[in-house]
Amino acid sequence: MMGLSLDEIVSQIKEKKGLSEEDIKLRISQKRDKLSGLVSEEGAAHIIANELGIDLMESIRKHGLKIIKLKPGMRVGVTGKVLKNYEVRTFTRNEKESKVGSFLMGDDSGLIRIVLWDENHIARMENGEIKPDTILKIENGTVKENNGYKEMHLGNFSQIEVNPEGVDDIKVVQTNNTTGDMGESEFKISKLSDANSGDNVTVYGTIVQLFEPRSYDGCSECGKKVVDGKCGAHPTGVVKKIPILNFFLDDGNAGMRAVAFRDAAAKLLDLDEAGMEALIGNAAAFEDIKVKMLGAQKVLSGRVTSNELYNRNEFMVRNVHAMETKDVLSKMLNQ
């Protein structure tokens, strides 16, 4: 069922009907047997909940989905805490001046960037009503994908409720990631040897080869190449140098060529944005960094893609996680 796992359905049945977990799972097994195994455990649990008169969608209608469960194309709600406001930008489209605003929001499952297009919503951000530590309930937001990251876009059909009734506080997942990607507690360490083109994976590996970084003129919002100094998707974006860092990663099972862009490139080399810019075109400075980084072990999340030209898979890095080796090993042993 969209938005609810088997454990969450079982939890709701336990809470609302007082049944034991063993009894619920027995009923699920019996229901699947009755339907000749043609329904999943989640589907069987859903049927049982309906038979018991439990409205599983109540919590989703009331609070929305968890951020980690949002998928591009959904029009749904979400409840979370504002973590950071971004600058409101002004742009001109069809000879009309408009604004766009955005902020980062989180819950106990992950982070997501919220993009505002409606003037009334933007005004609430500008007047300080929507600010860091504010709890928001959002309805009718459209989930989109921007350069591999999830965003929720709000138009004049969307609603924002500040400090909704019944929600005193929200625990936000602890992560150094500020892009809206999943929290570090959620991912599973994967093997490069098991990854196929199109897979989103998180890998713990060693940098065994590092190539001098390059750059291109891209949009400050999405990172895509600009044409004649403009980005068709983000009229408020400005042209900036987008770093590209190619390297070779080995996780002990297999090796794969990898590439990191934008913030991920800087984080991979333990640099800030200014440090990364200074490195591009500076061969001497790069050699110093290269000596330091070869043999470094990193936890990287991203997507495996197919390079048709060279007939190989490549790893497109989206995020670099700050984790101690002992924590990584503990995760690998317990997953």
C-alpha atoms as a PDB file:
ATOM      1  CA  MET A   1       0.000   0.000   0.000  1.00  0.00           C
ATOM      2  CA  MET A   2       1.338   3.423  -0.934  1.00  0.00           C
ATOM      3  CA  GLY A   3       3.022   5.083   2.022  1.00  0.00           C
ATOM      4  CA  LEU A   4       2.630   2.284   4.568  1.00  0.00           C
ATOM      5  CA  SER A   5       4.932  -0.656   5.161  1.00  0.00           C
ATOM      6  CA  LEU A   6       3.848  -4.016   6.544  1.00  0.00           C
ATOM      7  CA  ASP A   7       5.195  -3.103   9.978  1.00  0.00           C
ATOM      8  CA  GLU A   8       3.243   0.174   9.953  1.00  0.00           C
ATOM      9  CA  ILE A   9      -0.008  -1.594   9.025  1.00  0.00           C
ATOM     10  CA  VAL A  10       0.546  -4.217  11.728  1.00  0.00           C
ATOM     11  CA  SER A  11       1.304  -1.442  14.226  1.00  0.00           C
ATOM     12  CA  GLN A  12      -1.976   0.317  13.424  1.00  0.00           C
ATOM     13  CA  ILE A  13      -3.963  -2.920  13.827  1.00  0.00           C
ATOM     14  CA  LYS A  14      -2.261  -3.596  17.182  1.00  0.00           C
ATOM     15  CA  GLU A  15      -2.936  -0.069  18.416  1.00  0.00           C
ATOM     16  CA  LYS A  16      -6.547   0.217  17.278  1.00  0.00           C
ATOM     17  CA  LYS A  17      -7.772  -3.337  17.909  1.00  0.00           C
ATOM     18  CA  GLY A  18      -5.517  -4.577  20.713  1.00  0.00           C
ATOM     19  CA  LEU A  19      -4.457  -7.705  18.839  1.00  0.00           C
ATOM     20  CA  SER A  20      -1.038  -9.246  19.388  1.00  0.00           C
ATOM     21  CA  GLU A  21       1.565  -9.164  16.642  1.00  0.00           C
ATOM     22  CA  GLU A  22       1.530 -12.974  16.514  1.00  0.00           C
ATOM     23  CA  ASP A  23      -2.245 -13.030  16.008  1.00  0.00           C
ATOM     24  CA  ILE A  24      -2.054 -10.395  13.254  1.00  0.00           C
ATOM     25  CA  LYS A  25       0.702 -12.212  11.384  1.00  0.00           C
ATOM     26  CA  LEU A  26      -1.248 -15.485  11.662  1.00  0.00           C
ATOM     27  CA  ARG A  27      -4.260 -13.763  10.131  1.00  0.00           C
ATOM     28  CA  ILE A  28      -2.058 -12.388   7.350  1.00  0.00           C
ATOM     29  CA  SER A  29      -0.705 -15.873   6.621  1.00  0.00           C
ATOM     30  CA  GLN A  30      -4.214 -17.363   6.599  1.00  0.00           C
ATOM     31  CA  LYS A  31      -5.495 -14.628   4.299  1.00  0.00           C
ATOM     32  CA  ARG A  32      -2.651 -15.244   1.843  1.00  0.00           C
ATOM     33  CA  ASP A  33      -3.341 -18.990   1.906  1.00  0.00           C
ATOM     34  CA  LYS A  34      -7.016 -18.336   1.251  1.00  0.00           C
ATOM     35  CA  LEU A  35      -6.079 -16.202  -1.757  1.00  0.00           C
ATOM     36  CA  SER A  36      -3.617 -18.855  -3.024  1.00  0.00           C
ATOM     37  CA  GLY A  37      -0.625 -16.602  -2.342  1.00  0.00           C
ATOM     38  CA  LEU A  38      -1.729 -14.144  -5.029  1.00  0.00           C
ATOM     39  CA  VAL A  39      -1.480 -11.204  -2.649  1.00  0.00           C
ATOM     40  CA  SER A  40       1.556  -9.809  -0.831  1.00  0.00           C
ATOM     41  CA  GLU A  41       1.846  -9.663   2.944  1.00  0.00           C
ATOM     42  CA  GLU A  42       1.193  -5.915   2.779  1.00  0.00           C
ATOM     43  CA  GLY A  43      -1.887  -6.515   0.618  1.00  0.00           C
ATOM     44  CA  ALA A  44      -3.205  -9.175   2.989  1.00  0.00           C
ATOM     45  CA  ALA A  45      -2.611  -6.882   5.971  1.00  0.00           C
ATOM     46  CA  HIS A  46      -4.484  -4.122   4.165  1.00  0.00           C
ATOM     47  CA  ILE A  47      -7.466  -6.430   3.599  1.00  0.00           C
ATOM     48  CA  ILE A  48      -7.491  -7.487   7.253  1.00  0.00           C
ATOM     49  CA  ALA A  49      -7.372  -3.861   8.399  1.00  0.00           C
ATOM     50  CA  ASN A  50     -10.364  -3.052   6.180  1.00  0.00           C
ATOM     51  CA  GLU A  51     -12.265  -6.073   7.529  1.00  0.00           C
ATOM     52  CA  LEU A  52     -11.607  -4.803  11.054  1.00  0.00           C
ATOM     53  CA  GLY A  53     -12.907  -1.343  10.156  1.00  0.00           C
ATOM     54  CA  ILE A  54      -9.512   0.384  10.370  1.00  0.00           C
ATOM     55  CA  ASP A  55      -8.947   3.413   8.150  1.00  0.00           C
ATOM     56  CA  LEU A  56      -5.261   3.061   7.242  1.00  0.00           C
ATOM     57  CA  MET A  57      -5.282   6.296   5.246  1.00  0.00           C
ATOM     58  CA  GLU A  58      -6.338   8.391   8.234  1.00  0.00           C
ATOM     59  CA  SER A  59      -2.805   9.146   9.388  1.00  0.00           C
ATOM     60  CA  ILE A  60      -1.663   9.938   5.828  1.00  0.00           C
ATOM     61  CA  ARG A  61      -4.602  12.305   5.283  1.00  0.00           C
ATOM     62  CA  LYS A  62      -3.909  13.936   8.634  1.00  0.00           C
ATOM     63  CA  HIS A  63      -0.112  14.284   8.494  1.00  0.00           C
ATOM     64  CA  GLY A  64       0.896  13.340   4.937  1.00  0.00           C
ATOM     65  CA  LEU A  65       3.592  10.889   3.921  1.00  0.00           C
ATOM     66  CA  LYS A  66       7.025  10.543   5.443  1.00  0.00           C
ATOM     67  CA  ILE A  67       9.610  12.405   3.374  1.00  0.00           C
ATOM     68  CA  ILE A  68      11.579   9.257   2.556  1.00  0.00           C
ATOM     69  CA  LYS A  69       8.470   7.760   0.919  1.00  0.00           C
ATOM     70  CA  LEU A  70       7.816  10.664  -1.437  1.00  0.00           C
ATOM     71  CA  LYS A  71       8.207   9.741  -5.106  1.00  0.00           C
ATOM     72  CA  PRO A  72       8.400  11.993  -8.191  1.00  0.00           C
ATOM     73  CA  GLY A  73       4.949  12.421  -9.709  1.00  0.00           C
ATOM     74  CA  MET A  74       3.031  12.217  -6.418  1.00  0.00           C
ATOM     75  CA  ARG A  75       0.636  14.984  -5.386  1.00  0.00           C
ATOM     76  CA  VAL A  76       0.519  14.523  -1.632  1.00  0.00           C
ATOM     77  CA  GLY A  77       0.956  16.170   1.735  1.00  0.00           C
ATOM     78  CA  VAL A  78       3.793  16.120   4.245  1.00  0.00           C
ATOM     79  CA  THR A  79       4.387  17.412   7.769  1.00  0.00           C
ATOM     80  CA  GLY A  80       7.841  18.525   8.852  1.00  0.00           C
ATOM     81  CA  LYS A  81      10.062  21.144  10.428  1.00  0.00           C
ATOM     82  CA  VAL A  82      11.670  24.000   8.513  1.00  0.00           C
ATOM     83  CA  LEU A  83      15.455  23.760   8.758  1.00  0.00           C
ATOM     84  CA  LYS A  84      16.704  26.495   6.430  1.00  0.00           C
ATOM     85  CA  ASN A  85      15.244  29.285   4.298  1.00  0.00           C
ATOM     86  CA  TYR A  86      16.799  30.060   0.929  1.00  0.00           C
ATOM     87  CA  GLU A  87      16.819  33.446  -0.759  1.00  0.00           C
ATOM     88  CA  VAL A  88      13.635  34.530  -2.541  1.00  0.00           C
ATOM     89  CA  ARG A  89      14.524  35.194  -6.175  1.00  0.00           C
ATOM     90  CA  THR A  90      12.885  37.503  -8.701  1.00  0.00           C
ATOM     91  CA  PHE A  91      12.754  36.632 -12.386  1.00  0.00           C
ATOM     92  CA  THR A  92      11.009  37.816 -15.541  1.00  0.00           C
ATOM     93  CA  ARG A  93       8.922  35.471 -17.663  1.00  0.00           C
ATOM     94  CA  ASN A  94       6.791  36.608 -20.598  1.00  0.00           C
ATOM     95  CA  GLU A  95       7.576  40.223 -19.655  1.00  0.00           C
ATOM     96  CA  LYS A  96       6.080  39.686 -16.197  1.00  0.00           C
ATOM     97  CA  GLU A  97       8.104  39.867 -13.001  1.00  0.00           C
ATOM     98  CA  SER A  98       7.572  36.926 -10.669  1.00  0.00           C
ATOM     99  CA  LYS A  99       9.125  35.407  -7.546  1.00  0.00           C
ATOM    100  CA  VAL A 100      10.149  31.947  -6.406  1.00  0.00           C
ATOM    101  CA  GLY A 101      11.053  30.951  -2.865  1.00  0.00           C
ATOM    102  CA  SER A 102      12.275  27.756  -1.269  1.00  0.00           C
ATOM    103  CA  PHE A 103      13.247  26.212   2.049  1.00  0.00           C
ATOM    104  CA  LEU A 104      14.576  22.933   3.425  1.00  0.00           C
ATOM    105  CA  MET A 105      12.218  20.826   5.529  1.00  0.00           C
ATOM    106  CA  GLY A 106      12.812  17.597   7.442  1.00  0.00           C
ATOM    107  CA  ASP A 107      11.136  14.867   9.462  1.00  0.00           C
ATOM    108  CA  ASP A 108      12.421  11.724  11.170  1.00  0.00           C
ATOM    109  CA  SER A 109      12.923   9.978   7.821  1.00  0.00           C
ATOM    110  CA  GLY A 110      14.683  12.514   5.624  1.00  0.00           C
ATOM    111  CA  LEU A 111      14.946  16.004   4.127  1.00  0.00           C
ATOM    112  CA  ILE A 112      13.349  17.689   1.130  1.00  0.00           C
ATOM    113  CA  ARG A 113      13.473  21.086  -0.528  1.00  0.00           C
ATOM    114  CA  ILE A 114      10.110  22.856  -0.763  1.00  0.00           C
ATOM    115  CA  VAL A 115       9.735  25.252  -3.714  1.00  0.00           C
ATOM    116  CA  LEU A 116       7.112  28.035  -3.541  1.00  0.00           C
ATOM    117  CA  TRP A 117       5.564  29.581  -6.658  1.00  0.00           C
ATOM    118  CA  ASP A 118       2.427  31.149  -5.164  1.00  0.00           C
ATOM    119  CA  GLU A 119       2.794  34.795  -4.111  1.00  0.00           C
ATOM    120  CA  ASN A 120       0.773  34.270  -0.928  1.00  0.00           C
ATOM    121  CA  HIS A 121       3.046  31.424   0.199  1.00  0.00           C
ATOM    122  CA  ILE A 122       6.165  33.442  -0.640  1.00  0.00           C
ATOM    123  CA  ALA A 123       4.809  36.415   1.336  1.00  0.00           C
ATOM    124  CA  ARG A 124       4.492  34.206   4.429  1.00  0.00           C
ATOM    125  CA  MET A 125       8.147  33.297   4.028  1.00  0.00           C
ATOM    126  CA  GLU A 126       9.188  36.917   3.512  1.00  0.00           C
ATOM    127  CA  ASN A 127       7.285  38.172   6.566  1.00  0.00           C
ATOM    128  CA  GLY A 128       8.921  35.579   8.817  1.00  0.00           C
ATOM    129  CA  GLU A 129       5.896  33.335   9.337  1.00  0.00           C
ATOM    130  CA  ILE A 130       7.722  30.452   7.629  1.00  0.00           C
ATOM    131  CA  LYS A 131      11.146  30.287   9.246  1.00  0.00           C
ATOM    132  CA  PRO A 132      13.606  27.740  10.719  1.00  0.00           C
ATOM    133  CA  ASP A 133      12.147  25.571  13.532  1.00  0.00           C
ATOM    134  CA  THR A 134       8.575  26.221  12.311  1.00  0.00           C
ATOM    135  CA  ILE A 135       6.434  23.092  11.957  1.00  0.00           C
ATOM    136  CA  LEU A 136       4.418  22.995   8.736  1.00  0.00           C
ATOM    137  CA  LYS A 137       1.659  20.786   7.401  1.00  0.00           C
ATOM    138  CA  ILE A 138       1.625  20.912   3.600  1.00  0.00           C
ATOM    139  CA  GLU A 139      -1.203  19.619   1.396  1.00  0.00           C
ATOM    140  CA  ASN A 140      -1.340  19.086  -2.372  1.00  0.00           C
ATOM    141  CA  GLY A 141       2.359  19.429  -3.038  1.00  0.00           C
ATOM    142  CA  THR A 142       3.769  18.034  -6.284  1.00  0.00           C
ATOM    143  CA  VAL A 143       6.909  15.919  -5.908  1.00  0.00           C
ATOM    144  CA  LYS A 144       9.488  16.367  -8.668  1.00  0.00           C
ATOM    145  CA  GLU A 145      13.060  15.275  -9.297  1.00  0.00           C
ATOM    146  CA  ASN A 146      15.770  17.890  -9.828  1.00  0.00           C
ATOM    147  CA  ASN A 147      19.226  16.632 -10.773  1.00  0.00           C
ATOM    148  CA  GLY A 148      18.650  13.400  -8.869  1.00  0.00           C
ATOM    149  CA  TYR A 149      17.161  15.006  -5.743  1.00  0.00           C
ATOM    150  CA  LYS A 150      13.530  15.183  -4.646  1.00  0.00           C
ATOM    151  CA  GLU A 151      11.725  18.514  -4.398  1.00  0.00           C
ATOM    152  CA  MET A 152       8.122  19.359  -3.527  1.00  0.00           C
ATOM    153  CA  HIS A 153       6.642  22.238  -5.539  1.00  0.00           C
ATOM    154  CA  LEU A 154       3.705  24.249  -4.181  1.00  0.00           C
ATOM    155  CA  GLY A 155       1.359  26.282  -6.378  1.00  0.00           C
ATOM    156  CA  ASN A 156      -1.856  28.151  -5.713  1.00  0.00           C
ATOM    157  CA  PHE A 157      -3.665  24.816  -5.289  1.00  0.00           C
ATOM    158  CA  SER A 158      -1.398  23.868  -2.353  1.00  0.00           C
ATOM    159  CA  GLN A 159      -2.033  24.659   1.312  1.00  0.00           C
ATOM    160  CA  ILE A 160       0.422  25.416   4.114  1.00  0.00           C
ATOM    161  CA  GLU A 161      -0.619  25.223   7.771  1.00  0.00           C
ATOM    162  CA  VAL A 162       1.830  26.676  10.293  1.00  0.00           C
ATOM    163  CA  ASN A 163       2.116  24.854  13.640  1.00  0.00           C
ATOM    164  CA  PRO A 164      -0.748  22.414  12.911  1.00  0.00           C
ATOM    165  CA  GLU A 165      -2.939  21.300  15.772  1.00  0.00           C
ATOM    166  CA  GLY A 166      -1.854  18.076  17.435  1.00  0.00           C
ATOM    167  CA  VAL A 167       1.786  18.298  16.352  1.00  0.00           C
ATOM    168  CA  ASP A 168       3.934  19.609  19.199  1.00  0.00           C
ATOM    169  CA  ASP A 169       7.341  18.836  17.755  1.00  0.00           C
ATOM    170  CA  ILE A 170       9.036  16.829  15.031  1.00  0.00           C
ATOM    171  CA  LYS A 171      12.295  14.977  15.439  1.00  0.00           C
ATOM    172  CA  VAL A 172      14.425  15.574  12.360  1.00  0.00           C
ATOM    173  CA  VAL A 173      16.782  12.888  11.067  1.00  0.00           C
ATOM    174  CA  GLN A 174      20.399  13.595  12.007  1.00  0.00           C
ATOM    175  CA  THR A 175      22.424  14.062   8.820  1.00  0.00           C
ATOM    176  CA  ASN A 176      25.023  16.381   7.330  1.00  0.00           C
ATOM    177  CA  ASN A 177      23.180  16.247   4.020  1.00  0.00           C
ATOM    178  CA  THR A 178      21.348  19.493   3.165  1.00  0.00           C
ATOM    179  CA  THR A 179      20.021  18.543  -0.249  1.00  0.00           C
ATOM    180  CA  GLY A 180      16.918  16.614   0.677  1.00  0.00           C
ATOM    181  CA  ASP A 181      18.403  13.173   0.203  1.00  0.00           C
ATOM    182  CA  MET A 182      17.719  10.347   2.654  1.00  0.00           C
ATOM    183  CA  GLY A 183      19.171  10.351   6.142  1.00  0.00           C
ATOM    184  CA  GLU A 184      22.215   8.306   7.023  1.00  0.00           C
ATOM    185  CA  SER A 185      20.246   6.010   9.298  1.00  0.00           C
ATOM    186  CA  GLU A 186      18.099   4.873   6.344  1.00  0.00           C
ATOM    187  CA  PHE A 187      20.537   3.635   3.717  1.00  0.00           C
ATOM    188  CA  LYS A 188      21.959   0.189   3.114  1.00  0.00           C
ATOM    189  CA  ILE A 189      25.584  -0.349   2.093  1.00  0.00           C
ATOM    190  CA  SER A 190      25.596  -1.998  -1.349  1.00  0.00           C
ATOM    191  CA  LYS A 191      28.263  -3.812  -3.371  1.00  0.00           C
ATOM    192  CA  LEU A 192      29.360  -2.369  -6.700  1.00  0.00           C
ATOM    193  CA  SER A 193      29.439  -5.901  -8.065  1.00  0.00           C
ATOM    194  CA  ASP A 194      25.682  -6.219  -7.404  1.00  0.00           C
ATOM    195  CA  ALA A 195      24.725  -2.833  -8.870  1.00  0.00           C
ATOM    196  CA  ASN A 196      22.996  -2.508 -12.233  1.00  0.00           C
ATOM    197  CA  SER A 197      22.408   0.523 -14.416  1.00  0.00           C
ATOM    198  CA  GLY A 198      19.605   2.631 -12.936  1.00  0.00           C
ATOM    199  CA  ASP A 199      20.167   1.455  -9.346  1.00  0.00           C
ATOM    200  CA  ASN A 200      20.379   4.001  -6.526  1.00  0.00           C
ATOM    201  CA  VAL A 201      23.046   2.727  -4.141  1.00  0.00           C
ATOM    202  CA  THR A 202      25.232   3.696  -1.220  1.00  0.00           C
ATOM    203  CA  VAL A 203      28.772   2.339  -1.346  1.00  0.00           C
ATOM    204  CA  TYR A 204      31.678   2.202   1.101  1.00  0.00           C
ATOM    205  CA  GLY A 205      34.844   2.220  -0.969  1.00  0.00           C
ATOM    206  CA  THR A 206      38.417   3.378  -1.410  1.00  0.00           C
ATOM    207  CA  ILE A 207      39.571   6.066  -3.836  1.00  0.00           C
ATOM    208  CA  VAL A 208      42.267   4.327  -5.890  1.00  0.00           C
ATOM    209  CA  GLN A 209      42.631   6.837  -8.730  1.00  0.00           C
ATOM    210  CA  LEU A 210      41.826  10.540  -8.945  1.00  0.00           C
ATOM    211  CA  PHE A 211      41.749  12.759 -12.040  1.00  0.00           C
ATOM    212  CA  GLU A 212      42.265  16.508 -12.173  1.00  0.00           C
ATOM    213  CA  PRO A 213      38.899  18.280 -11.817  1.00  0.00           C
ATOM    214  CA  ARG A 214      37.272  20.166 -14.674  1.00  0.00           C
ATOM    215  CA  SER A 215      34.300  22.520 -14.826  1.00  0.00           C
ATOM    216  CA  TYR A 216      31.562  23.800 -17.118  1.00  0.00           C
ATOM    217  CA  ASP A 217      29.166  26.761 -17.133  1.00  0.00           C
ATOM    218  CA  GLY A 218      25.992  25.605 -15.418  1.00  0.00           C
ATOM    219  CA  CYS A 219      22.844  26.777 -13.666  1.00  0.00           C
ATOM    220  CA  SER A 220      23.240  27.652  -9.986  1.00  0.00           C
ATOM    221  CA  GLU A 221      19.872  25.976  -9.260  1.00  0.00           C
ATOM    222  CA  CYS A 222      20.077  22.615 -11.056  1.00  0.00           C
ATOM    223  CA  GLY A 223      23.691  22.370 -12.234  1.00  0.00           C
ATOM    224  CA  LYS A 224      22.745  21.637 -15.844  1.00  0.00           C
ATOM    225  CA  LYS A 225      24.650  23.282 -18.706  1.00  0.00           C
ATOM    226  CA  VAL A 226      23.312  26.687 -19.696  1.00  0.00           C
ATOM    227  CA  VAL A 227      22.611  27.849 -23.256  1.00  0.00           C
ATOM    228  CA  ASP A 228      23.431  31.470 -24.079  1.00  0.00           C
ATOM    229  CA  GLY A 229      23.842  32.108 -20.379  1.00  0.00           C
ATOM    230  CA  LYS A 230      20.340  30.927 -19.462  1.00  0.00           C
ATOM    231  CA  CYS A 231      18.727  27.826 -17.954  1.00  0.00           C
ATOM    232  CA  GLY A 232      15.363  26.980 -19.498  1.00  0.00           C
ATOM    233  CA  ALA A 233      14.097  25.306 -16.319  1.00  0.00           C
ATOM    234  CA  HIS A 234      15.301  27.926 -13.804  1.00  0.00           C
ATOM    235  CA  PRO A 235      15.001  31.522 -15.030  1.00  0.00           C
ATOM    236  CA  THR A 236      16.222  32.791 -11.640  1.00  0.00           C
ATOM    237  CA  GLY A 237      19.438  30.775 -11.814  1.00  0.00           C
ATOM    238  CA  VAL A 238      22.767  32.436 -12.442  1.00  0.00           C
ATOM    239  CA  VAL A 239      25.712  31.039 -14.403  1.00  0.00           C
ATOM    240  CA  LYS A 240      28.443  29.506 -12.284  1.00  0.00           C
ATOM    241  CA  LYS A 241      31.347  27.120 -12.732  1.00  0.00           C
ATOM    242  CA  ILE A 242      30.173  23.599 -11.944  1.00  0.00           C
ATOM    243  CA  PRO A 243      33.038  21.282 -10.919  1.00  0.00           C
ATOM    244  CA  ILE A 244      33.350  17.757 -12.345  1.00  0.00           C
ATOM    245  CA  LEU A 245      35.535  15.277 -10.491  1.00  0.00           C
ATOM    246  CA  ASN A 246      36.303  11.872 -12.003  1.00  0.00           C
ATOM    247  CA  PHE A 247      37.832   9.096  -9.913  1.00  0.00           C
ATOM    248  CA  PHE A 248      37.997   5.327  -9.555  1.00  0.00           C
ATOM    249  CA  LEU A 249      36.325   3.683  -6.549  1.00  0.00           C
ATOM    250  CA  ASP A 250      36.989   0.158  -5.251  1.00  0.00           C
ATOM    251  CA  ASP A 251      34.773  -1.379  -2.555  1.00  0.00           C
ATOM    252  CA  GLY A 252      36.778  -4.583  -2.112  1.00  0.00           C
ATOM    253  CA  ASN A 253      34.410  -6.554  -4.334  1.00  0.00           C
ATOM    254  CA  ALA A 254      34.630  -4.574  -7.553  1.00  0.00           C
ATOM    255  CA  GLY A 255      35.842  -1.270  -8.936  1.00  0.00           C
ATOM    256  CA  MET A 256      33.956   1.359 -10.923  1.00  0.00           C
ATOM    257  CA  ARG A 257      34.687   4.707 -12.497  1.00  0.00           C
ATOM    258  CA  ALA A 258      32.809   7.447 -10.643  1.00  0.00           C
ATOM    259  CA  VAL A 259      32.037  11.110 -11.138  1.00  0.00           C
ATOM    260  CA  ALA A 260      30.954  13.781  -8.658  1.00  0.00           C
ATOM    261  CA  PHE A 261      29.494  17.202  -9.462  1.00  0.00           C
ATOM    262  CA  ARG A 262      28.856  20.417  -7.549  1.00  0.00           C
ATOM    263  CA  ASP A 263      28.860  20.113  -3.738  1.00  0.00           C
ATOM    264  CA  ALA A 264      29.545  16.372  -3.891  1.00  0.00           C
ATOM    265  CA  ALA A 265      32.881  17.007  -5.628  1.00  0.00           C
ATOM    266  CA  ALA A 266      33.976  19.445  -2.926  1.00  0.00           C
ATOM    267  CA  LYS A 267      32.789  17.182  -0.082  1.00  0.00           C
ATOM    268  CA  LEU A 268      34.634  14.219  -1.577  1.00  0.00           C
ATOM    269  CA  LEU A 269      37.906  16.177  -1.325  1.00  0.00           C
ATOM    270  CA  ASP A 270      37.044  17.655   2.106  1.00  0.00           C
ATOM    271  CA  LEU A 271      36.896  21.163   0.597  1.00  0.00           C
ATOM    272  CA  ASP A 272      34.399  24.006   0.673  1.00  0.00           C
ATOM    273  CA  GLU A 273      33.053  25.660  -2.481  1.00  0.00           C
ATOM    274  CA  ALA A 274      35.820  28.274  -2.592  1.00  0.00           C
ATOM    275  CA  GLY A 275      38.501  25.628  -2.110  1.00  0.00           C
ATOM    276  CA  MET A 276      37.065  23.566  -4.941  1.00  0.00           C
ATOM    277  CA  GLU A 277      36.997  26.560  -7.293  1.00  0.00           C
ATOM    278  CA  ALA A 278      40.632  27.357  -6.472  1.00  0.00           C
ATOM    279  CA  LEU A 279      41.634  23.794  -7.306  1.00  0.00           C
ATOM    280  CA  ILE A 280      40.300  23.833 -10.879  1.00  0.00           C
ATOM    281  CA  GLY A 281      43.101  24.612 -13.319  1.00  0.00           C
ATOM    282  CA  ASN A 282      45.724  24.553 -10.559  1.00  0.00           C
ATOM    283  CA  ALA A 283      47.761  21.404 -11.271  1.00  0.00           C
ATOM    284  CA  ALA A 284      50.205  21.918  -8.399  1.00  0.00           C
ATOM    285  CA  ALA A 285      47.453  22.320  -5.804  1.00  0.00           C
ATOM    286  CA  PHE A 286      45.658  19.273  -7.198  1.00  0.00           C
ATOM    287  CA  GLU A 287      48.755  17.091  -6.813  1.00  0.00           C
ATOM    288  CA  ASP A 288      48.841  17.897  -3.087  1.00  0.00           C
ATOM    289  CA  ILE A 289      45.172  16.965  -2.734  1.00  0.00           C
ATOM    290  CA  LYS A 290      45.660  13.820  -4.824  1.00  0.00           C
ATOM    291  CA  VAL A 291      48.422  12.528  -2.540  1.00  0.00           C
ATOM    292  CA  LYS A 292      46.152  13.092   0.462  1.00  0.00           C
ATOM    293  CA  MET A 293      43.025  11.499  -1.060  1.00  0.00           C
ATOM    294  CA  LEU A 294      44.396   8.345  -2.701  1.00  0.00           C
ATOM    295  CA  GLY A 295      43.546   5.500  -0.346  1.00  0.00           C
ATOM    296  CA  ALA A 296      40.862   7.517   1.439  1.00  0.00           C
ATOM    297  CA  GLN A 297      37.714   5.559   2.307  1.00  0.00           C
ATOM    298  CA  LYS A 298      34.344   7.194   1.738  1.00  0.00           C
ATOM    299  CA  VAL A 299      30.624   6.437   2.039  1.00  0.00           C
ATOM    300  CA  LEU A 300      28.991   7.648  -1.185  1.00  0.00           C
ATOM    301  CA  SER A 301      25.389   7.655  -2.393  1.00  0.00           C
ATOM    302  CA  GLY A 302      24.336   7.971  -6.017  1.00  0.00           C
ATOM    303  CA  ARG A 303      23.034   6.302  -9.154  1.00  0.00           C
ATOM    304  CA  VAL A 304      24.689   3.724 -11.392  1.00  0.00           C
ATOM    305  CA  THR A 305      24.406   4.715 -15.057  1.00  0.00           C
ATOM    306  CA  SER A 306      25.401   3.070 -18.318  1.00  0.00           C
ATOM    307  CA  ASN A 307      28.078   4.738 -20.461  1.00  0.00           C
ATOM    308  CA  GLU A 308      27.176   3.453 -23.918  1.00  0.00           C
ATOM    309  CA  LEU A 309      30.274   4.971 -25.540  1.00  0.00           C
ATOM    310  CA  TYR A 310      32.691   2.943 -23.409  1.00  0.00           C
ATOM    311  CA  ASN A 311      30.297   0.025 -22.747  1.00  0.00           C
ATOM    312  CA  ARG A 312      30.607   0.249 -18.957  1.00  0.00           C
ATOM    313  CA  ASN A 313      28.661   1.237 -15.857  1.00  0.00           C
ATOM    314  CA  GLU A 314      29.626   4.402 -13.991  1.00  0.00           C
ATOM    315  CA  PHE A 315      28.725   5.695 -10.534  1.00  0.00           C
ATOM    316  CA  MET A 316      27.217   9.211 -10.429  1.00  0.00           C
ATOM    317  CA  VAL A 317      27.833  10.468  -6.891  1.00  0.00           C
ATOM    318  CA  ARG A 318      25.101  12.600  -5.336  1.00  0.00           C
ATOM    319  CA  ASN A 319      26.172  12.759  -1.721  1.00  0.00           C
ATOM    320  CA  VAL A 320      29.175  12.113   0.508  1.00  0.00           C
ATOM    321  CA  HIS A 321      28.273  10.897   3.997  1.00  0.00           C
ATOM    322  CA  ALA A 322      30.291  11.785   7.073  1.00  0.00           C
ATOM    323  CA  MET A 323      30.574   8.497   8.956  1.00  0.00           C
ATOM    324  CA  GLU A 324      33.194   6.918  11.166  1.00  0.00           C
ATOM    325  CA  THR A 325      34.651   3.631   9.897  1.00  0.00           C
ATOM    326  CA  LYS A 326      33.400   1.771  12.970  1.00  0.00           C
ATOM    327  CA  ASP A 327      29.843   2.987  12.289  1.00  0.00           C
ATOM    328  CA  VAL A 328      30.049   1.848   8.659  1.00  0.00           C
ATOM    329  CA  LEU A 329      31.313  -1.583   9.654  1.00  0.00           C
ATOM    330  CA  SER A 330      28.592  -1.885  12.284  1.00  0.00           C
ATOM    331  CA  LYS A 331      25.942  -1.042   9.670  1.00  0.00           C
ATOM    332  CA  MET A 332      27.385  -3.587   7.230  1.00  0.00           C
ATOM    333  CA  LEU A 333      27.429  -6.321   9.861  1.00  0.00           C
ATOM    334  CA  ASN A 334      23.849  -5.661  10.994  1.00  0.00           C
ATOM    335  CA  GLN A 335      22.050  -5.061   7.691  1.00  0.00           C
END
